[in-house]
Amino acid sequence: MARLYLIRHGRPSSTWGGHDDDPGLDDVGRGQAEAARDWLLSRPTDARPRLVVSSPLRRCRETAVPTAEALGVAVEVDPVVGEIPTPAALSAEARPGWLRSAFQGTWQAIEGDMDYDAWRGDIVTSLAARGNTAVFSHYVAINAAVSRLMGVDQVLAFRPDHCSITVLETDGTTVRLVETGAEAATNVL
C-alpha cells in the first residue's frame, strides 16, 4: 500500500476573510513548511513521498516547495485538492459567513451552486490514484477527504493545525485513513 500525506499549508501572512485573497506564508509558516519537510523525509524509504502535489493557492505552493526541493521533484499543482469552491453569486465579503455556516452542518446541507458531497468524493478519487505522495492542501479540503473516509457527513471531522500531516494509505483504488494529523485551536471558526 502506498502512503499519502495530506499536509495543511503553513501559517499564512493573512487570515481568510482578510484583504489578500491569496496570501503566502509568514515566517512561522515557512518554519512549519521546513518542519513538515523534515518529518516527511524521516519516513522509512518505502513510505517516503516521491511526488509532491499542491493546491493552486500560494500558501500551499510555498509550503510544498521545501519538500519538493529536498526530493528533487517539481510541485504538481492540482485544483482538485484546492479550497472549497465558493458559490458564484457570493461576494468575497460574504464568504467568511458562508464558511462559518457550512462548518456547522453536513456536506449535503452546504448552500451553493454545486454538490459539495460529490466534491469531497472527487478529492478521495484523486488521492486513490496516487502512489507515495505529499499533498499540500487546505483545512476544508482535508476535512472533505477525512470525513468521507470516516463515513461521517459532518463538514468538520477534525481541526487540522497548520502543517498538520494526516496519513492515508491507498492500493490505487481505495483509500484508508491511517491517522489524522495534529489538531489545534484555530481561528477558522
N, C-alpha and C. Protein backbone atom coordinates (compact mmCIF):
# COMPACT_ATOMS: atom_id res chain seq x y z
N MET A 1 0.84 -1.19 0.00
CA MET A 1 0.00 0.00 0.00
C MET A 1 0.89 1.25 0.00
N ALA A 2 0.54 2.19 -0.82
CA ALA A 2 1.27 3.46 -0.87
C ALA A 2 0.79 4.39 0.24
N ARG A 3 1.67 5.24 0.67
CA ARG A 3 1.35 6.23 1.70
C ARG A 3 1.05 7.58 1.06
N LEU A 4 -0.02 8.19 1.52
CA LEU A 4 -0.38 9.55 1.14
C LEU A 4 -0.31 10.42 2.38
N TYR A 5 0.21 11.60 2.22
CA TYR A 5 0.32 12.53 3.34
C TYR A 5 -0.43 13.80 2.95
N LEU A 6 -1.50 14.10 3.70
CA LEU A 6 -2.25 15.34 3.49
C LEU A 6 -1.71 16.37 4.46
N ILE A 7 -1.12 17.42 3.95
CA ILE A 7 -0.50 18.44 4.79
C ILE A 7 -1.26 19.74 4.63
N ARG A 8 -1.77 20.26 5.74
CA ARG A 8 -2.38 21.58 5.68
C ARG A 8 -1.26 22.60 5.50
N HIS A 9 -1.50 23.61 4.72
CA HIS A 9 -0.49 24.66 4.47
C HIS A 9 -0.01 25.28 5.78
N GLY A 10 1.17 25.89 5.73
CA GLY A 10 1.71 26.60 6.88
C GLY A 10 0.94 27.89 7.14
N ARG A 11 1.27 28.52 8.26
CA ARG A 11 0.55 29.74 8.65
C ARG A 11 0.74 30.83 7.60
N PRO A 12 -0.39 31.35 7.07
CA PRO A 12 -0.30 32.38 6.03
C PRO A 12 -0.03 33.76 6.63
N SER A 13 0.37 34.67 5.74
CA SER A 13 0.68 36.04 6.17
C SER A 13 -0.58 36.85 6.48
N SER A 14 -1.75 36.37 6.04
CA SER A 14 -3.02 36.98 6.44
C SER A 14 -4.06 35.88 6.53
N THR A 15 -5.10 36.11 7.29
CA THR A 15 -6.11 35.08 7.52
C THR A 15 -7.22 35.17 6.49
N TRP A 16 -8.01 34.10 6.40
CA TRP A 16 -9.13 34.08 5.47
C TRP A 16 -10.10 35.19 5.85
N GLY A 17 -10.67 35.77 4.83
CA GLY A 17 -11.55 36.91 5.06
C GLY A 17 -10.77 38.21 5.15
N GLY A 18 -9.43 38.13 5.04
CA GLY A 18 -8.59 39.32 5.10
C GLY A 18 -8.54 40.00 3.74
N HIS A 19 -7.62 40.91 3.59
CA HIS A 19 -7.54 41.70 2.37
C HIS A 19 -6.83 41.00 1.22
N ASP A 20 -5.96 40.05 1.52
CA ASP A 20 -5.21 39.35 0.48
C ASP A 20 -5.92 38.03 0.16
N ASP A 21 -6.41 37.90 -1.05
CA ASP A 21 -7.14 36.69 -1.44
C ASP A 21 -6.25 35.46 -1.58
N ASP A 22 -4.95 35.67 -1.77
CA ASP A 22 -4.03 34.55 -1.98
C ASP A 22 -2.71 34.82 -1.26
N PRO A 23 -2.77 34.83 0.09
CA PRO A 23 -1.54 35.15 0.83
C PRO A 23 -0.52 34.02 0.78
N GLY A 24 0.75 34.41 0.89
CA GLY A 24 1.82 33.44 1.04
C GLY A 24 2.00 33.14 2.52
N LEU A 25 3.12 32.55 2.87
CA LEU A 25 3.41 32.19 4.25
C LEU A 25 4.10 33.34 4.98
N ASP A 26 3.88 33.38 6.30
CA ASP A 26 4.67 34.29 7.12
C ASP A 26 5.91 33.52 7.61
N ASP A 27 6.71 34.14 8.45
CA ASP A 27 7.95 33.48 8.92
C ASP A 27 7.67 32.19 9.66
N VAL A 28 6.63 32.20 10.49
CA VAL A 28 6.26 30.97 11.21
C VAL A 28 5.85 29.89 10.21
N GLY A 29 5.07 30.25 9.22
CA GLY A 29 4.63 29.31 8.20
C GLY A 29 5.78 28.70 7.43
N ARG A 30 6.79 29.51 7.13
CA ARG A 30 7.97 28.98 6.42
C ARG A 30 8.71 27.97 7.31
N GLY A 31 8.80 28.25 8.59
CA GLY A 31 9.41 27.29 9.52
C GLY A 31 8.60 26.01 9.62
N GLN A 32 7.26 26.14 9.61
CA GLN A 32 6.40 24.96 9.64
C GLN A 32 6.59 24.12 8.38
N ALA A 33 6.75 24.78 7.22
CA ALA A 33 6.96 24.05 5.96
C ALA A 33 8.26 23.25 6.02
N GLU A 34 9.30 23.83 6.61
CA GLU A 34 10.57 23.12 6.74
C GLU A 34 10.44 21.95 7.71
N ALA A 35 9.68 22.13 8.80
CA ALA A 35 9.47 21.04 9.76
C ALA A 35 8.67 19.90 9.11
N ALA A 36 7.68 20.25 8.29
CA ALA A 36 6.92 19.21 7.58
C ALA A 36 7.83 18.44 6.64
N ARG A 37 8.68 19.16 5.92
CA ARG A 37 9.66 18.51 5.03
C ARG A 37 10.52 17.52 5.81
N ASP A 38 11.04 17.97 6.94
CA ASP A 38 11.92 17.11 7.74
C ASP A 38 11.19 15.86 8.21
N TRP A 39 9.93 16.00 8.62
CA TRP A 39 9.15 14.85 9.08
C TRP A 39 8.92 13.89 7.91
N LEU A 40 8.54 14.43 6.76
CA LEU A 40 8.28 13.58 5.59
C LEU A 40 9.54 12.83 5.16
N LEU A 41 10.67 13.49 5.20
CA LEU A 41 11.92 12.85 4.79
C LEU A 41 12.42 11.83 5.81
N SER A 42 11.90 11.90 7.02
CA SER A 42 12.30 10.94 8.05
C SER A 42 11.52 9.62 7.96
N ARG A 43 10.55 9.53 7.06
CA ARG A 43 9.78 8.29 6.90
C ARG A 43 10.69 7.20 6.34
N PRO A 44 10.36 5.95 6.62
CA PRO A 44 11.13 4.86 6.01
C PRO A 44 11.12 4.99 4.49
N THR A 45 12.16 4.54 3.84
CA THR A 45 12.31 4.71 2.39
C THR A 45 11.08 4.24 1.62
N ASP A 46 10.48 3.12 2.00
CA ASP A 46 9.32 2.60 1.26
C ASP A 46 8.05 3.41 1.50
N ALA A 47 8.05 4.29 2.50
CA ALA A 47 6.87 5.10 2.81
C ALA A 47 7.10 6.59 2.53
N ARG A 48 8.30 6.94 2.14
CA ARG A 48 8.63 8.35 1.88
C ARG A 48 7.92 8.82 0.61
N PRO A 49 7.42 10.06 0.61
CA PRO A 49 6.79 10.54 -0.62
C PRO A 49 7.79 10.65 -1.76
N ARG A 50 7.31 10.37 -2.96
CA ARG A 50 8.12 10.51 -4.16
C ARG A 50 7.62 11.65 -5.04
N LEU A 51 6.36 12.02 -4.83
CA LEU A 51 5.72 13.10 -5.57
C LEU A 51 5.22 14.16 -4.60
N VAL A 52 5.12 15.38 -5.09
CA VAL A 52 4.60 16.50 -4.29
C VAL A 52 3.50 17.17 -5.10
N VAL A 53 2.32 17.24 -4.50
CA VAL A 53 1.14 17.84 -5.13
C VAL A 53 0.68 19.00 -4.26
N SER A 54 0.20 20.07 -4.90
CA SER A 54 -0.24 21.23 -4.15
C SER A 54 -1.52 21.82 -4.74
N SER A 55 -2.31 22.39 -3.87
CA SER A 55 -3.40 23.27 -4.28
C SER A 55 -2.79 24.41 -5.09
N PRO A 56 -3.56 25.04 -5.96
CA PRO A 56 -3.03 26.17 -6.72
C PRO A 56 -2.72 27.41 -5.86
N LEU A 57 -3.26 27.48 -4.67
CA LEU A 57 -3.09 28.70 -3.88
C LEU A 57 -1.68 28.83 -3.31
N ARG A 58 -1.24 30.05 -3.25
CA ARG A 58 0.15 30.39 -2.91
C ARG A 58 0.61 29.79 -1.58
N ARG A 59 -0.23 29.84 -0.55
CA ARG A 59 0.19 29.34 0.77
C ARG A 59 0.50 27.84 0.72
N CYS A 60 -0.22 27.09 -0.10
CA CYS A 60 0.07 25.66 -0.26
C CYS A 60 1.31 25.44 -1.10
N ARG A 61 1.42 26.16 -2.20
CA ARG A 61 2.59 26.01 -3.06
C ARG A 61 3.87 26.34 -2.30
N GLU A 62 3.85 27.42 -1.48
CA GLU A 62 5.03 27.78 -0.70
C GLU A 62 5.33 26.74 0.37
N THR A 63 4.31 26.12 0.93
CA THR A 63 4.53 25.06 1.93
C THR A 63 5.14 23.82 1.27
N ALA A 64 4.77 23.56 0.03
CA ALA A 64 5.24 22.38 -0.69
C ALA A 64 6.69 22.49 -1.16
N VAL A 65 7.16 23.69 -1.40
CA VAL A 65 8.49 23.88 -2.02
C VAL A 65 9.63 23.21 -1.25
N PRO A 66 9.77 23.36 0.06
CA PRO A 66 10.91 22.71 0.73
C PRO A 66 10.94 21.19 0.53
N THR A 67 9.77 20.56 0.55
CA THR A 67 9.72 19.11 0.36
C THR A 67 10.08 18.75 -1.08
N ALA A 68 9.52 19.47 -2.03
CA ALA A 68 9.82 19.20 -3.44
C ALA A 68 11.30 19.37 -3.74
N GLU A 69 11.88 20.45 -3.23
CA GLU A 69 13.31 20.68 -3.46
C GLU A 69 14.16 19.57 -2.86
N ALA A 70 13.81 19.15 -1.66
CA ALA A 70 14.59 18.08 -0.99
C ALA A 70 14.47 16.76 -1.76
N LEU A 71 13.32 16.50 -2.36
CA LEU A 71 13.12 15.27 -3.12
C LEU A 71 13.62 15.39 -4.56
N GLY A 72 13.90 16.61 -5.00
CA GLY A 72 14.36 16.83 -6.37
C GLY A 72 13.25 16.65 -7.40
N VAL A 73 12.03 17.02 -7.01
CA VAL A 73 10.89 16.91 -7.93
C VAL A 73 10.20 18.26 -8.06
N ALA A 74 9.42 18.41 -9.10
CA ALA A 74 8.61 19.62 -9.28
C ALA A 74 7.32 19.48 -8.48
N VAL A 75 6.76 20.61 -8.08
CA VAL A 75 5.46 20.61 -7.42
C VAL A 75 4.39 20.50 -8.52
N GLU A 76 3.55 19.48 -8.42
CA GLU A 76 2.42 19.33 -9.34
C GLU A 76 1.24 20.09 -8.75
N VAL A 77 0.71 21.05 -9.47
CA VAL A 77 -0.44 21.82 -8.99
C VAL A 77 -1.71 21.10 -9.44
N ASP A 78 -2.59 20.83 -8.49
CA ASP A 78 -3.83 20.10 -8.76
C ASP A 78 -5.01 20.84 -8.12
N PRO A 79 -5.87 21.46 -8.93
CA PRO A 79 -7.02 22.19 -8.39
C PRO A 79 -7.99 21.31 -7.60
N VAL A 80 -7.97 20.01 -7.82
CA VAL A 80 -8.89 19.11 -7.10
C VAL A 80 -8.64 19.18 -5.59
N VAL A 81 -7.39 19.41 -5.17
CA VAL A 81 -7.10 19.48 -3.73
C VAL A 81 -7.06 20.93 -3.24
N GLY A 82 -7.67 21.82 -4.01
CA GLY A 82 -7.72 23.24 -3.65
C GLY A 82 -8.79 23.55 -2.62
N GLU A 83 -8.99 24.83 -2.40
CA GLU A 83 -10.00 25.30 -1.46
C GLU A 83 -11.40 24.90 -1.89
N ILE A 84 -12.31 24.85 -0.93
CA ILE A 84 -13.71 24.57 -1.24
C ILE A 84 -14.23 25.66 -2.18
N PRO A 85 -14.87 25.27 -3.27
CA PRO A 85 -15.39 26.26 -4.21
C PRO A 85 -16.49 27.12 -3.58
N THR A 86 -16.36 28.41 -3.76
CA THR A 86 -17.35 29.36 -3.24
C THR A 86 -18.46 29.53 -4.27
N PRO A 87 -19.72 29.62 -3.83
CA PRO A 87 -20.80 29.86 -4.78
C PRO A 87 -20.52 31.10 -5.63
N ALA A 88 -20.82 31.01 -6.91
CA ALA A 88 -20.51 32.08 -7.85
C ALA A 88 -21.12 33.42 -7.47
N ALA A 89 -22.31 33.42 -6.92
CA ALA A 89 -23.00 34.67 -6.60
C ALA A 89 -22.56 35.27 -5.26
N LEU A 90 -21.69 34.59 -4.55
CA LEU A 90 -21.29 35.05 -3.21
C LEU A 90 -20.14 36.05 -3.31
N SER A 91 -20.27 37.17 -2.62
CA SER A 91 -19.19 38.17 -2.62
C SER A 91 -18.07 37.73 -1.70
N ALA A 92 -16.89 38.30 -1.90
CA ALA A 92 -15.74 37.99 -1.05
C ALA A 92 -16.03 38.34 0.40
N GLU A 93 -16.78 39.40 0.62
CA GLU A 93 -17.11 39.82 1.99
C GLU A 93 -18.05 38.83 2.66
N ALA A 94 -18.88 38.16 1.89
CA ALA A 94 -19.86 37.21 2.45
C ALA A 94 -19.27 35.82 2.66
N ARG A 95 -18.10 35.54 2.08
CA ARG A 95 -17.51 34.20 2.15
C ARG A 95 -17.25 33.73 3.58
N PRO A 96 -16.67 34.55 4.47
CA PRO A 96 -16.45 34.06 5.84
C PRO A 96 -17.74 33.60 6.54
N GLY A 97 -18.83 34.33 6.37
CA GLY A 97 -20.10 33.91 6.96
C GLY A 97 -20.62 32.62 6.36
N TRP A 98 -20.46 32.49 5.04
CA TRP A 98 -20.88 31.27 4.35
C TRP A 98 -20.07 30.07 4.88
N LEU A 99 -18.76 30.25 5.03
CA LEU A 99 -17.93 29.17 5.55
C LEU A 99 -18.32 28.79 6.99
N ARG A 100 -18.55 29.79 7.83
CA ARG A 100 -18.95 29.50 9.22
C ARG A 100 -20.23 28.67 9.25
N SER A 101 -21.17 29.03 8.40
CA SER A 101 -22.42 28.28 8.32
C SER A 101 -22.16 26.86 7.83
N ALA A 102 -21.34 26.71 6.80
CA ALA A 102 -21.02 25.38 6.27
C ALA A 102 -20.36 24.51 7.33
N PHE A 103 -19.46 25.09 8.12
CA PHE A 103 -18.73 24.32 9.13
C PHE A 103 -19.66 23.72 10.18
N GLN A 104 -20.82 24.30 10.38
CA GLN A 104 -21.74 23.84 11.41
C GLN A 104 -22.61 22.67 10.97
N GLY A 105 -22.59 22.34 9.67
CA GLY A 105 -23.53 21.35 9.18
C GLY A 105 -22.90 20.17 8.48
N THR A 106 -23.67 19.64 7.54
CA THR A 106 -23.25 18.47 6.77
C THR A 106 -22.90 18.88 5.34
N TRP A 107 -22.24 17.97 4.64
CA TRP A 107 -21.84 18.24 3.26
C TRP A 107 -23.05 18.45 2.37
N GLN A 108 -24.12 17.72 2.59
CA GLN A 108 -25.32 17.87 1.78
C GLN A 108 -26.05 19.17 2.04
N ALA A 109 -25.86 19.76 3.21
CA ALA A 109 -26.60 20.97 3.59
C ALA A 109 -25.89 22.27 3.21
N ILE A 110 -24.69 22.20 2.67
CA ILE A 110 -23.98 23.42 2.30
C ILE A 110 -24.74 24.11 1.17
N GLU A 111 -25.02 25.40 1.37
CA GLU A 111 -25.71 26.17 0.34
C GLU A 111 -24.72 26.57 -0.74
N GLY A 112 -25.13 26.38 -1.98
CA GLY A 112 -24.26 26.75 -3.08
C GLY A 112 -24.77 26.19 -4.39
N ASP A 113 -23.99 26.41 -5.42
CA ASP A 113 -24.40 26.02 -6.76
C ASP A 113 -23.70 24.76 -7.25
N MET A 114 -23.27 23.93 -6.31
CA MET A 114 -22.65 22.66 -6.69
C MET A 114 -22.95 21.60 -5.63
N ASP A 115 -22.61 20.37 -5.92
CA ASP A 115 -22.80 19.25 -5.00
C ASP A 115 -21.50 19.08 -4.21
N TYR A 116 -21.48 19.59 -2.97
CA TYR A 116 -20.26 19.55 -2.17
C TYR A 116 -19.93 18.14 -1.69
N ASP A 117 -20.93 17.28 -1.55
CA ASP A 117 -20.65 15.89 -1.21
C ASP A 117 -19.91 15.22 -2.37
N ALA A 118 -20.30 15.52 -3.59
CA ALA A 118 -19.59 14.98 -4.76
C ALA A 118 -18.17 15.54 -4.83
N TRP A 119 -17.99 16.81 -4.45
CA TRP A 119 -16.65 17.43 -4.44
C TRP A 119 -15.72 16.64 -3.52
N ARG A 120 -16.21 16.27 -2.34
CA ARG A 120 -15.32 15.52 -1.44
C ARG A 120 -15.03 14.13 -1.99
N GLY A 121 -15.97 13.54 -2.71
CA GLY A 121 -15.71 12.27 -3.38
C GLY A 121 -14.64 12.40 -4.46
N ASP A 122 -14.66 13.53 -5.18
CA ASP A 122 -13.64 13.79 -6.21
C ASP A 122 -12.24 13.86 -5.59
N ILE A 123 -12.14 14.45 -4.41
CA ILE A 123 -10.85 14.55 -3.74
C ILE A 123 -10.32 13.15 -3.42
N VAL A 124 -11.17 12.32 -2.83
CA VAL A 124 -10.75 10.96 -2.46
C VAL A 124 -10.39 10.15 -3.71
N THR A 125 -11.16 10.29 -4.77
CA THR A 125 -10.85 9.59 -6.02
C THR A 125 -9.49 10.01 -6.56
N SER A 126 -9.20 11.31 -6.51
CA SER A 126 -7.90 11.81 -6.97
C SER A 126 -6.77 11.23 -6.13
N LEU A 127 -6.97 11.16 -4.82
CA LEU A 127 -5.94 10.63 -3.94
C LEU A 127 -5.69 9.14 -4.18
N ALA A 128 -6.76 8.39 -4.46
CA ALA A 128 -6.63 6.94 -4.64
C ALA A 128 -5.70 6.59 -5.79
N ALA A 129 -5.62 7.45 -6.78
CA ALA A 129 -4.83 7.16 -7.98
C ALA A 129 -3.35 7.47 -7.81
N ARG A 130 -2.94 7.93 -6.65
CA ARG A 130 -1.55 8.36 -6.45
C ARG A 130 -0.75 7.31 -5.68
N GLY A 131 0.54 7.33 -5.90
CA GLY A 131 1.45 6.50 -5.11
C GLY A 131 1.89 7.28 -3.89
N ASN A 132 3.07 7.01 -3.37
CA ASN A 132 3.58 7.73 -2.20
C ASN A 132 3.69 9.22 -2.56
N THR A 133 2.82 10.01 -1.98
CA THR A 133 2.70 11.42 -2.37
C THR A 133 2.44 12.30 -1.16
N ALA A 134 3.08 13.48 -1.16
CA ALA A 134 2.78 14.53 -0.19
C ALA A 134 1.84 15.51 -0.88
N VAL A 135 0.66 15.71 -0.28
CA VAL A 135 -0.37 16.57 -0.87
C VAL A 135 -0.59 17.76 0.06
N PHE A 136 -0.27 18.95 -0.43
CA PHE A 136 -0.39 20.18 0.37
C PHE A 136 -1.72 20.84 0.03
N SER A 137 -2.57 20.94 1.05
CA SER A 137 -3.95 21.35 0.81
C SER A 137 -4.46 22.28 1.92
N HIS A 138 -5.77 22.28 2.11
CA HIS A 138 -6.44 23.24 2.97
C HIS A 138 -7.30 22.56 4.04
N TYR A 139 -7.62 23.31 5.05
CA TYR A 139 -8.44 22.89 6.19
C TYR A 139 -9.69 22.15 5.72
N VAL A 140 -10.51 22.79 4.86
CA VAL A 140 -11.78 22.19 4.45
C VAL A 140 -11.56 21.02 3.50
N ALA A 141 -10.63 21.12 2.58
CA ALA A 141 -10.38 20.02 1.65
C ALA A 141 -9.88 18.78 2.39
N ILE A 142 -9.04 18.97 3.39
CA ILE A 142 -8.57 17.83 4.19
C ILE A 142 -9.75 17.24 4.95
N ASN A 143 -10.61 18.09 5.51
CA ASN A 143 -11.81 17.59 6.17
C ASN A 143 -12.73 16.87 5.20
N ALA A 144 -12.78 17.31 3.96
CA ALA A 144 -13.60 16.64 2.96
C ALA A 144 -13.15 15.18 2.80
N ALA A 145 -11.85 14.98 2.66
CA ALA A 145 -11.32 13.62 2.50
C ALA A 145 -11.49 12.81 3.78
N VAL A 146 -11.12 13.39 4.91
CA VAL A 146 -11.17 12.65 6.16
C VAL A 146 -12.61 12.28 6.53
N SER A 147 -13.54 13.21 6.39
CA SER A 147 -14.93 12.89 6.74
C SER A 147 -15.48 11.78 5.83
N ARG A 148 -15.13 11.81 4.55
CA ARG A 148 -15.57 10.75 3.63
C ARG A 148 -14.99 9.41 4.06
N LEU A 149 -13.70 9.38 4.39
CA LEU A 149 -13.05 8.13 4.79
C LEU A 149 -13.55 7.62 6.14
N MET A 150 -13.97 8.54 7.01
CA MET A 150 -14.52 8.14 8.31
C MET A 150 -15.99 7.76 8.22
N GLY A 151 -16.62 8.07 7.09
CA GLY A 151 -18.03 7.76 6.91
C GLY A 151 -18.95 8.68 7.68
N VAL A 152 -18.52 9.92 7.89
CA VAL A 152 -19.36 10.90 8.59
C VAL A 152 -19.75 12.01 7.63
N ASP A 153 -20.92 12.58 7.86
CA ASP A 153 -21.41 13.64 6.99
C ASP A 153 -21.12 15.04 7.51
N GLN A 154 -20.62 15.15 8.73
CA GLN A 154 -20.29 16.46 9.27
C GLN A 154 -19.14 17.07 8.47
N VAL A 155 -19.24 18.36 8.18
CA VAL A 155 -18.19 19.03 7.41
C VAL A 155 -16.87 18.99 8.18
N LEU A 156 -16.93 19.25 9.47
CA LEU A 156 -15.70 19.25 10.27
C LEU A 156 -15.53 17.92 11.00
N ALA A 157 -14.66 17.08 10.46
CA ALA A 157 -14.34 15.81 11.10
C ALA A 157 -13.25 16.01 12.15
N PHE A 158 -12.38 17.00 11.92
CA PHE A 158 -11.34 17.37 12.89
C PHE A 158 -10.79 18.73 12.50
N ARG A 159 -9.92 19.27 13.33
CA ARG A 159 -9.40 20.62 13.14
C ARG A 159 -7.87 20.58 12.91
N PRO A 160 -7.44 20.35 11.66
CA PRO A 160 -6.00 20.23 11.41
C PRO A 160 -5.27 21.55 11.64
N ASP A 161 -4.19 21.49 12.36
CA ASP A 161 -3.35 22.65 12.61
C ASP A 161 -2.56 22.98 11.33
N HIS A 162 -1.94 24.14 11.30
CA HIS A 162 -1.06 24.47 10.18
C HIS A 162 0.07 23.44 10.11
N CYS A 163 0.29 22.91 8.94
CA CYS A 163 1.29 21.87 8.65
C CYS A 163 1.04 20.56 9.38
N SER A 164 -0.20 20.37 9.82
CA SER A 164 -0.63 19.09 10.34
C SER A 164 -0.52 18.06 9.21
N ILE A 165 -0.07 16.86 9.53
CA ILE A 165 0.11 15.83 8.50
C ILE A 165 -0.82 14.65 8.81
N THR A 166 -1.79 14.44 7.94
CA THR A 166 -2.73 13.32 8.04
C THR A 166 -2.22 12.22 7.12
N VAL A 167 -2.20 11.00 7.62
CA VAL A 167 -1.62 9.87 6.88
C VAL A 167 -2.75 8.98 6.36
N LEU A 168 -2.66 8.67 5.07
CA LEU A 168 -3.60 7.77 4.40
C LEU A 168 -2.82 6.66 3.72
N GLU A 169 -3.51 5.60 3.35
CA GLU A 169 -2.93 4.53 2.53
C GLU A 169 -3.83 4.30 1.33
N THR A 170 -3.23 3.93 0.20
CA THR A 170 -4.01 3.59 -0.98
C THR A 170 -3.40 2.38 -1.68
N ASP A 171 -4.29 1.60 -2.27
CA ASP A 171 -3.85 0.48 -3.10
C ASP A 171 -4.01 0.82 -4.57
N GLY A 172 -4.31 2.08 -4.86
CA GLY A 172 -4.54 2.52 -6.23
C GLY A 172 -6.01 2.62 -6.57
N THR A 173 -6.84 2.02 -5.74
CA THR A 173 -8.29 2.05 -5.96
C THR A 173 -9.01 2.61 -4.75
N THR A 174 -8.67 2.09 -3.58
CA THR A 174 -9.31 2.54 -2.35
C THR A 174 -8.32 3.34 -1.51
N VAL A 175 -8.88 4.12 -0.60
CA VAL A 175 -8.06 4.92 0.31
C VAL A 175 -8.52 4.61 1.73
N ARG A 176 -7.55 4.50 2.64
CA ARG A 176 -7.84 4.23 4.04
C ARG A 176 -7.15 5.28 4.90
N LEU A 177 -7.87 5.78 5.90
CA LEU A 177 -7.30 6.72 6.86
C LEU A 177 -6.45 5.95 7.87
N VAL A 178 -5.18 6.33 7.99
CA VAL A 178 -4.29 5.72 8.97
C VAL A 178 -4.33 6.52 10.26
N GLU A 179 -4.11 7.83 10.15
CA GLU A 179 -4.20 8.69 11.33
C GLU A 179 -4.37 10.14 10.91
N THR A 180 -5.15 10.86 11.71
CA THR A 180 -5.31 12.29 11.46
C THR A 180 -4.10 13.02 12.03
N GLY A 181 -3.83 14.17 11.46
CA GLY A 181 -2.71 14.99 11.91
C GLY A 181 -3.03 15.73 13.19
N ALA A 182 -2.07 16.53 13.62
CA ALA A 182 -2.21 17.30 14.85
C ALA A 182 -3.35 18.30 14.74
N GLU A 183 -4.11 18.39 15.81
CA GLU A 183 -5.18 19.38 15.88
C GLU A 183 -4.77 20.52 16.79
N ALA A 184 -5.36 21.65 16.56
CA ALA A 184 -5.05 22.80 17.39
C ALA A 184 -6.25 23.74 17.41
N ALA A 185 -6.22 24.63 18.37
CA ALA A 185 -7.21 25.70 18.38
C ALA A 185 -6.95 26.52 17.12
N THR A 186 -7.99 26.90 16.43
CA THR A 186 -7.82 27.62 15.18
C THR A 186 -8.81 28.76 15.08
N ASN A 187 -8.48 29.78 14.32
CA ASN A 187 -9.40 30.89 14.15
C ASN A 187 -10.30 30.70 12.93
N VAL A 188 -10.35 29.48 12.38
CA VAL A 188 -11.21 29.24 11.23
C VAL A 188 -12.66 29.48 11.60
N LEU A 189 -13.06 29.07 12.78
CA LEU A 189 -14.42 29.35 13.20
C LEU A 189 -14.44 30.67 13.91
